[in-house]
C-alpha atoms as a PDB file:
ATOM      1  CA  MET A   1       0.144   0.114  -0.168  1.00  0.00           C
ATOM      2  CA  THR A   2       1.318   3.384  -0.982  1.00  0.00           C
ATOM      3  CA  ASP A   3       1.844   6.328   1.211  1.00  0.00           C
ATOM      4  CA  ASN A   4      -0.585   8.175  -0.677  1.00  0.00           C
ATOM      5  CA  THR A   5      -3.101   5.664  -0.337  1.00  0.00           C
ATOM      6  CA  ASN A   6      -2.626   5.323   3.581  1.00  0.00           C
ATOM      7  CA  GLN A   7      -2.975   9.113   3.537  1.00  0.00           C
ATOM      8  CA  ILE A   8      -6.516   8.823   1.914  1.00  0.00           C
ATOM      9  CA  ASN A   9      -7.565   6.074   4.284  1.00  0.00           C
ATOM     10  CA  THR A  10      -6.398   8.050   7.409  1.00  0.00           C
ATOM     11  CA  ARG A  11      -8.067  11.063   6.365  1.00  0.00           C
ATOM     12  CA  THR A  12     -11.312   9.360   5.661  1.00  0.00           C
ATOM     13  CA  MET A  13     -11.109   7.628   9.043  1.00  0.00           C
ATOM     14  CA  ILE A  14     -10.582  11.118  10.953  1.00  0.00           C
ATOM     15  CA  LEU A  15     -13.569  12.554   8.840  1.00  0.00           C
ATOM     16  CA  GLU A  16     -15.736   9.190   9.935  1.00  0.00           C
ATOM     17  CA  LYS A  17     -14.675   9.757  13.639  1.00  0.00           C
ATOM     18  CA  ALA A  18     -15.240  13.306  13.768  1.00  0.00           C
ATOM     19  CA  ARG A  19     -18.781  13.082  12.103  1.00  0.00           C
ATOM     20  CA  HIS A  20     -19.841  10.940  15.411  1.00  0.00           C
ATOM     21  CA  LEU A  21     -18.234  13.385  17.960  1.00  0.00           C
ATOM     22  CA  PHE A  22     -20.039  16.509  16.387  1.00  0.00           C
ATOM     23  CA  LEU A  23     -23.165  14.840  16.231  1.00  0.00           C
ATOM     24  CA  SER A  24     -22.589  13.498  20.034  1.00  0.00           C
ATOM     25  CA  LEU A  25     -21.016  16.203  21.743  1.00  0.00           C
ATOM     26  CA  GLY A  26     -21.922  19.221  19.315  1.00  0.00           C
ATOM     27  CA  TYR A  27     -19.715  21.536  17.199  1.00  0.00           C
ATOM     28  CA  HIS A  28     -18.716  23.923  20.150  1.00  0.00           C
ATOM     29  CA  LYS A  29     -17.675  21.070  22.499  1.00  0.00           C
ATOM     30  CA  THR A  30     -15.661  18.789  19.926  1.00  0.00           C
ATOM     31  CA  THR A  31     -11.934  19.825  19.870  1.00  0.00           C
ATOM     32  CA  MET A  32      -9.261  19.005  17.806  1.00  0.00           C
ATOM     33  CA  ARG A  33      -7.750  16.618  20.774  1.00  0.00           C
ATOM     34  CA  ASN A  34     -10.988  14.960  21.065  1.00  0.00           C
ATOM     35  CA  ILE A  35     -11.077  14.234  17.347  1.00  0.00           C
ATOM     36  CA  ALA A  36      -7.525  12.921  17.636  1.00  0.00           C
ATOM     37  CA  ASP A  37      -8.116  10.481  20.417  1.00  0.00           C
ATOM     38  CA  VAL A  38     -11.475   8.768  18.853  1.00  0.00           C
ATOM     39  CA  ALA A  39      -9.227   8.400  15.573  1.00  0.00           C
ATOM     40  CA  GLY A  40      -6.226   6.826  17.781  1.00  0.00           C
ATOM     41  CA  ILE A  41      -3.559   9.337  16.516  1.00  0.00           C
ATOM     42  CA  SER A  42      -1.891  12.368  18.125  1.00  0.00           C
ATOM     43  CA  THR A  43      -2.551  16.009  17.294  1.00  0.00           C
ATOM     44  CA  GLY A  44       0.203  16.204  15.320  1.00  0.00           C
ATOM     45  CA  PRO A  45      -0.977  14.127  12.354  1.00  0.00           C
ATOM     46  CA  LEU A  46      -4.348  15.669  12.640  1.00  0.00           C
ATOM     47  CA  TYR A  47      -3.017  18.986  11.786  1.00  0.00           C
ATOM     48  CA  PHE A  48      -1.095  17.556   8.932  1.00  0.00           C
ATOM     49  CA  TYR A  49      -4.550  16.786   7.306  1.00  0.00           C
ATOM     50  CA  PHE A  50      -6.606  19.641   8.980  1.00  0.00           C
ATOM     51  CA  GLN A  51      -5.638  23.167   9.854  1.00  0.00           C
ATOM     52  CA  ASN A  52      -8.341  23.515  12.395  1.00  0.00           C
ATOM     53  CA  LYS A  53     -11.924  21.942  13.762  1.00  0.00           C
ATOM     54  CA  ALA A  54     -14.014  24.105  11.531  1.00  0.00           C
ATOM     55  CA  GLU A  55     -11.977  22.569   8.458  1.00  0.00           C
ATOM     56  CA  VAL A  56     -12.689  19.176   9.639  1.00  0.00           C
ATOM     57  CA  PHE A  57     -16.303  19.921   9.768  1.00  0.00           C
ATOM     58  CA  PHE A  58     -16.657  21.662   6.571  1.00  0.00           C
ATOM     59  CA  HIS A  59     -14.934  18.467   4.918  1.00  0.00           C
ATOM     60  CA  ILE A  60     -17.711  16.594   6.158  1.00  0.00           C
ATOM     61  CA  CYS A  61     -20.550  18.695   5.092  1.00  0.00           C
ATOM     62  CA  ASN A  62     -18.632  18.968   1.835  1.00  0.00           C
ATOM     63  CA  GLU A  63     -18.534  15.363   1.117  1.00  0.00           C
ATOM     64  CA  ALA A  64     -22.091  15.134   2.074  1.00  0.00           C
ATOM     65  CA  PHE A  65     -23.059  17.758  -0.663  1.00  0.00           C
ATOM     66  CA  ASP A  66     -20.673  16.164  -2.974  1.00  0.00           C
ATOM     67  CA  TYR A  67     -22.493  12.734  -2.576  1.00  0.00           C
ATOM     68  CA  LEU A  68     -25.972  13.957  -3.291  1.00  0.00           C
ATOM     69  CA  ILE A  69     -24.874  16.179  -6.221  1.00  0.00           C
ATOM     70  CA  VAL A  70     -23.672  13.462  -8.158  1.00  0.00           C
ATOM     71  CA  ASP A  71     -27.007  11.365  -7.341  1.00  0.00           C
ATOM     72  CA  PHE A  72     -29.118  14.347  -8.316  1.00  0.00           C
ATOM     73  CA  ARG A  73     -26.976  14.545 -11.531  1.00  0.00           C
ATOM     74  CA  ARG A  74     -27.354  11.089 -12.316  1.00  0.00           C
ATOM     75  CA  VAL A  75     -30.958  11.393 -11.970  1.00  0.00           C
ATOM     76  CA  ALA A  76     -31.529  14.523 -13.864  1.00  0.00           C
ATOM     77  CA  SER A  77     -29.298  12.949 -17.028  1.00  0.00           C
ATOM     78  CA  ASP A  78     -31.813  10.202 -17.767  1.00  0.00           C
ATOM     79  CA  ASP A  79     -34.044  11.228 -20.815  1.00  0.00           C
ATOM     80  CA  SER A  80     -37.309  10.187 -19.388  1.00  0.00           C
ATOM     81  CA  HIS A  81     -40.103  12.568 -18.470  1.00  0.00           C
ATOM     82  CA  ALA A  82     -39.402  15.777 -16.544  1.00  0.00           C
ATOM     83  CA  GLY A  83     -41.827  15.071 -13.996  1.00  0.00           C
ATOM     84  CA  LEU A  84     -40.316  11.504 -13.691  1.00  0.00           C
ATOM     85  CA  ARG A  85     -36.939  12.748 -13.030  1.00  0.00           C
ATOM     86  CA  LEU A  86     -38.179  15.372 -10.522  1.00  0.00           C
ATOM     87  CA  ARG A  87     -40.111  12.553  -8.444  1.00  0.00           C
ATOM     88  CA  ASN A  88     -36.809  10.132  -8.632  1.00  0.00           C
ATOM     89  CA  ILE A  89     -34.524  13.021  -7.580  1.00  0.00           C
ATOM     90  CA  TYR A  90     -36.995  13.493  -4.622  1.00  0.00           C
ATOM     91  CA  TYR A  91     -37.001   9.666  -4.074  1.00  0.00           C
ATOM     92  CA  SER A  92     -32.899   9.996  -4.452  1.00  0.00           C
ATOM     93  CA  TYR A  93     -33.039  12.563  -1.519  1.00  0.00           C
ATOM     94  CA  LYS A  94     -35.204  10.206   0.564  1.00  0.00           C
ATOM     95  CA  THR A  95     -32.737   7.330  -0.096  1.00  0.00           C
ATOM     96  CA  PHE A  96     -29.493   9.457   1.035  1.00  0.00           C
ATOM     97  CA  TYR A  97     -31.807  10.468   4.229  1.00  0.00           C
ATOM     98  CA  TYR A  98     -32.520   6.979   4.905  1.00  0.00           C
ATOM     99  CA  GLN A  99     -29.059   5.418   4.342  1.00  0.00           C
ATOM    100  CA  GLU A 100     -26.820   8.578   5.240  1.00  0.00           C
ATOM    101  CA  PRO A 101     -28.821  10.011   8.681  1.00  0.00           C
ATOM    102  CA  GLN A 102     -25.403  11.067  10.062  1.00  0.00           C
ATOM    103  CA  LEU A 103     -24.474  13.016   6.917  1.00  0.00           C
ATOM    104  CA  PHE A 104     -27.639  14.280   6.277  1.00  0.00           C
ATOM    105  CA  GLU A 105     -27.863  15.645  10.003  1.00  0.00           C
ATOM    106  CA  ILE A 106     -24.423  17.269  10.025  1.00  0.00           C
ATOM    107  CA  MET A 107     -24.769  18.742   6.812  1.00  0.00           C
ATOM    108  CA  HIS A 108     -27.953  20.623   8.145  1.00  0.00           C
ATOM    109  CA  LEU A 109     -26.170  21.860  11.075  1.00  0.00           C
ATOM    110  CA  PRO A 110     -24.088  25.056   9.802  1.00  0.00           C
ATOM    111  CA  THR A 111     -27.564  26.194   8.687  1.00  0.00           C
ATOM    112  CA  ASN A 112     -29.326  26.036  12.308  1.00  0.00           C
ATOM    113  CA  PRO A 113     -29.110  29.492  13.605  1.00  0.00           C
ATOM    114  CA  MET A 114     -29.863  28.149  17.161  1.00  0.00           C
ATOM    115  CA  LEU A 115     -26.224  26.310  17.181  1.00  0.00           C
ATOM    116  CA  GLY A 116     -24.357  29.296  16.147  1.00  0.00           C
ATOM    117  CA  ILE A 117     -21.449  27.608  13.903  1.00  0.00           C
ATOM    118  CA  ASP A 118     -19.378  30.360  12.721  1.00  0.00           C
ATOM    119  CA  LEU A 119     -17.548  28.996   9.849  1.00  0.00           C
ATOM    120  CA  PRO A 120     -14.768  30.985   8.126  1.00  0.00           C
ATOM    121  CA  GLN A 121     -16.594  32.710   5.011  1.00  0.00           C
ATOM    122  CA  THR A 122     -14.908  30.884   2.322  1.00  0.00           C
ATOM    123  CA  LEU A 123     -15.949  27.710   3.791  1.00  0.00           C
ATOM    124  CA  GLU A 124     -19.548  28.814   4.414  1.00  0.00           C
ATOM    125  CA  GLU A 125     -19.711  30.189   0.997  1.00  0.00           C
ATOM    126  CA  THR A 126     -18.578  26.869  -0.471  1.00  0.00           C
ATOM    127  CA  LEU A 127     -21.217  25.077   1.217  1.00  0.00           C
ATOM    128  CA  LYS A 128     -23.784  27.561   0.060  1.00  0.00           C
ATOM    129  CA  GLN A 129     -22.942  26.812  -3.536  1.00  0.00           C
ATOM    130  CA  LYS A 130     -23.132  23.295  -2.989  1.00  0.00           C
ATOM    131  CA  SER A 131     -26.668  23.851  -1.739  1.00  0.00           C
ATOM    132  CA  GLN A 132     -27.515  26.088  -4.581  1.00  0.00           C
ATOM    133  CA  GLU A 133     -26.243  23.515  -6.998  1.00  0.00           C
ATOM    134  CA  LEU A 134     -28.697  21.049  -5.651  1.00  0.00           C
ATOM    135  CA  VAL A 135     -31.538  23.465  -6.955  1.00  0.00           C
ATOM    136  CA  LYS A 136     -29.797  24.065 -10.155  1.00  0.00           C
ATOM    137  CA  ILE A 137     -30.041  20.578 -11.014  1.00  0.00           C
ATOM    138  CA  MET A 138     -33.790  20.665 -10.560  1.00  0.00           C
ATOM    139  CA  GLU A 139     -33.883  23.779 -12.480  1.00  0.00           C
ATOM    140  CA  GLY A 140     -32.328  22.464 -15.505  1.00  0.00           C
ATOM    141  CA  VAL A 141     -35.000  19.510 -15.374  1.00  0.00           C
ATOM    142  CA  ILE A 142     -37.642  21.690 -15.300  1.00  0.00           C
ATOM    143  CA  GLN A 143     -36.241  24.083 -18.249  1.00  0.00           C
ATOM    144  CA  GLU A 144     -36.092  20.871 -20.321  1.00  0.00           C
ATOM    145  CA  GLY A 145     -39.349  20.020 -19.267  1.00  0.00           C
ATOM    146  CA  ILE A 146     -40.951  23.102 -20.123  1.00  0.00           C
ATOM    147  CA  ILE A 147     -39.284  23.123 -23.688  1.00  0.00           C
ATOM    148  CA  ARG A 148     -40.219  19.810 -24.311  1.00  0.00           C
ATOM    149  CA  GLN A 149     -44.003  20.699 -23.501  1.00  0.00           C
ATOM    150  CA  GLU A 150     -43.778  18.290 -20.770  1.00  0.00           C
ATOM    151  CA  LEU A 151     -44.506  21.110 -17.688  1.00  0.00           C
ATOM    152  CA  ARG A 152     -46.020  23.786 -17.287  1.00  0.00           C
ATOM    153  CA  PRO A 153     -44.638  27.323 -18.478  1.00  0.00           C
ATOM    154  CA  VAL A 154     -43.580  28.364 -14.817  1.00  0.00           C
ATOM    155  CA  ASP A 155     -40.556  30.029 -13.729  1.00  0.00           C
ATOM    156  CA  PRO A 156     -37.953  27.303 -13.460  1.00  0.00           C
ATOM    157  CA  CYS A 157     -36.070  28.671 -10.749  1.00  0.00           C
ATOM    158  CA  LYS A 158     -38.927  29.354  -8.465  1.00  0.00           C
ATOM    159  CA  LEU A 159     -40.351  25.949  -9.016  1.00  0.00           C
ATOM    160  CA  ALA A 160     -36.877  24.462  -8.297  1.00  0.00           C
ATOM    161  CA  LEU A 161     -36.557  26.610  -4.854  1.00  0.00           C
ATOM    162  CA  TYR A 162     -40.418  25.506  -4.278  1.00  0.00           C
ATOM    163  CA  LEU A 163     -39.601  21.749  -4.742  1.00  0.00           C
ATOM    164  CA  TYR A 164     -36.240  21.893  -2.745  1.00  0.00           C
ATOM    165  CA  SER A 165     -37.956  23.797   0.351  1.00  0.00           C
ATOM    166  CA  VAL A 166     -40.865  21.166   0.434  1.00  0.00           C
ATOM    167  CA  ALA A 167     -38.424  18.516   0.611  1.00  0.00           C
ATOM    168  CA  GLU A 168     -36.458  20.310   3.335  1.00  0.00           C
ATOM    169  CA  GLY A 169     -39.391  20.949   5.301  1.00  0.00           C
ATOM    170  CA  ILE A 170     -40.618  17.725   4.796  1.00  0.00           C
ATOM    171  CA  PHE A 171     -37.022  15.833   6.185  1.00  0.00           C
ATOM    172  CA  LEU A 172     -37.198  18.742   9.063  1.00  0.00           C
ATOM    173  CA  SER A 173     -40.796  17.606  10.075  1.00  0.00           C
ATOM    174  CA  SER A 174     -39.452  13.927  10.200  1.00  0.00           C
ATOM    175  CA  ARG A 175     -36.439  14.696  12.391  1.00  0.00           C
ATOM    176  CA  LEU A 176     -38.380  16.817  14.859  1.00  0.00           C
ATOM    177  CA  SER A 177     -40.983  13.705  15.232  1.00  0.00           C
ATOM    178  CA  ILE A 178     -43.988  15.876  13.858  1.00  0.00           C
ATOM    179  CA  LEU A 179     -44.962  13.320  11.267  1.00  0.00           C
ATOM    180  CA  GLN A 180     -44.591  10.422  13.733  1.00  0.00           C
ATOM    181  CA  GLN A 181     -47.044  12.326  16.224  1.00  0.00           C
ATOM    182  CA  CYS A 182     -49.424  12.839  13.271  1.00  0.00           C
ATOM    183  CA  ASN A 183     -48.919   8.969  12.586  1.00  0.00           C
ATOM    184  CA  VAL A 184     -48.012   9.784   9.039  1.00  0.00           C
ATOM    185  CA  SER A 185     -44.609   8.218   7.531  1.00  0.00           C
ATOM    186  CA  LEU A 186     -42.031   9.769   5.543  1.00  0.00           C
ATOM    187  CA  ASP A 187     -42.268   7.505   2.680  1.00  0.00           C
ATOM    188  CA  GLU A 188     -46.355   8.813   2.529  1.00  0.00           C
ATOM    189  CA  MET A 189     -45.592  12.607   3.077  1.00  0.00           C
ATOM    190  CA  ILE A 190     -42.971  12.403   0.184  1.00  0.00           C
ATOM    191  CA  ASP A 191     -45.338  10.440  -2.102  1.00  0.00           C
ATOM    192  CA  THR A 192     -47.979  13.134  -1.105  1.00  0.00           C
ATOM    193  CA  ALA A 193     -46.106  15.881  -1.935  1.00  0.00           C
ATOM    194  CA  ILE A 194     -44.979  14.149  -5.344  1.00  0.00           C
ATOM    195  CA  GLU A 195     -48.667  13.736  -6.129  1.00  0.00           C
ATOM    196  CA  LEU A 196     -49.845  17.194  -5.236  1.00  0.00           C
ATOM    197  CA  ILE A 197     -46.869  19.029  -6.761  1.00  0.00           C
ATOM    198  CA  GLY A 198     -47.393  17.009  -9.808  1.00  0.00           C
ATOM    199  CA  VAL A 199     -50.797  17.913 -10.503  1.00  0.00           C
ATOM    200  CA  GLY A 200     -49.706  21.519 -10.537  1.00  0.00           C
ATOM    201  CA  MET A 201     -46.799  21.437 -12.909  1.00  0.00           C
ATOM    202  CA  ILE A 202     -47.516  18.590 -15.589  1.00  0.00           C
ATOM    203  CA  GLU A 203     -48.449  20.337 -18.799  1.00  0.00           C
ATOM    204  CA  PHE A 204     -51.686  19.231 -20.336  1.00  0.00           C
ATOM    205  CA  ARG A 205     -51.670  21.860 -22.980  1.00  0.00           C
ATOM    206  CA  ALA A 206     -50.581  21.628 -26.629  1.00  0.00           C
ATOM    207  CA  GLU A 207     -48.141  24.471 -26.701  1.00  0.00           C
ATOM    208  CA  SER A 208     -45.557  26.237 -24.356  1.00  0.00           C
ATOM    209  CA  PRO A 209     -44.066  29.526 -24.781  1.00  0.00           C
ATOM    210  CA  HIS A 210     -40.099  29.765 -25.178  1.00  0.00           C
ATOM    211  CA  VAL A 211     -38.160  29.572 -21.889  1.00  0.00           C
ATOM    212  CA  SER A 212     -34.850  31.103 -21.289  1.00  0.00           C
ATOM    213  CA  LYS A 213     -32.081  28.396 -20.305  1.00  0.00           C
ATOM    214  CA  ALA A 214     -30.726  31.365 -18.326  1.00  0.00           C
ATOM    215  CA  GLY A 215     -31.308  30.166 -14.614  1.00  0.00           C
ATOM    216  CA  CYS A 216     -31.836  32.862 -12.010  1.00  0.00           C
ATOM    217  CA  LEU A 217     -29.526  31.475  -9.576  1.00  0.00           C
ATOM    218  CA  ASN A 218     -26.692  32.376 -11.929  1.00  0.00           C
ATOM    219  CA  SER A 219     -28.533  35.436 -13.585  1.00  0.00           C
ATOM    220  CA  SER A 220     -28.328  39.149 -12.764  1.00  0.00           C
ATOM    221  CA  LYS A 221     -31.263  40.906 -11.862  1.00  0.00           C
ATOM    222  CA  PRO A 222     -32.905  43.003 -14.603  1.00  0.00           C
ATOM    223  CA  THR A 223     -31.834  46.854 -14.686  1.00  0.00           C
END
């Protein structure tokens, strides 16, 4: 095994151990010493891989977003009906929620104002861009669907933001046990959202106006 492979394995192990610490102790109570201890290394090697705790936390969140982005793009690249692709993106997000609950939880910690996690601006901005990328992928599917007259001629960016917001709200309700208190499962809620949203966005008319391919997430405001 090469030194480079050893370094990659050590880095992966550090992030995995740190993930458990951040969720059990909280961001502010977790220290670099804690991370080194659970990883079974001294602080010297730890600082070789990461400059500080914020950087460790950032890379965990960043990898979670990268995982989702790859999966969203895979689903979006299919040549099926745009409505089906958007539905499958929802299912992909749900699968991630079930299969990677720790990653799902930790990637949402920076946006929780109650926790007061203050990452360096460059790291925080990168995570925001990754979050926007998820929306932009859905926006692209919507644009294609409108051009192909599969979806109603609505604002692609607004619909993508709406879909993303609905999904986040449903997952938050599940994490807060609101769904469980109402005897509604996450699967049922996702299916209900897909059904209700689908009725409103599927195109039943023969014609759709031209839709600009310039997404609002990366376009400037009109002057």
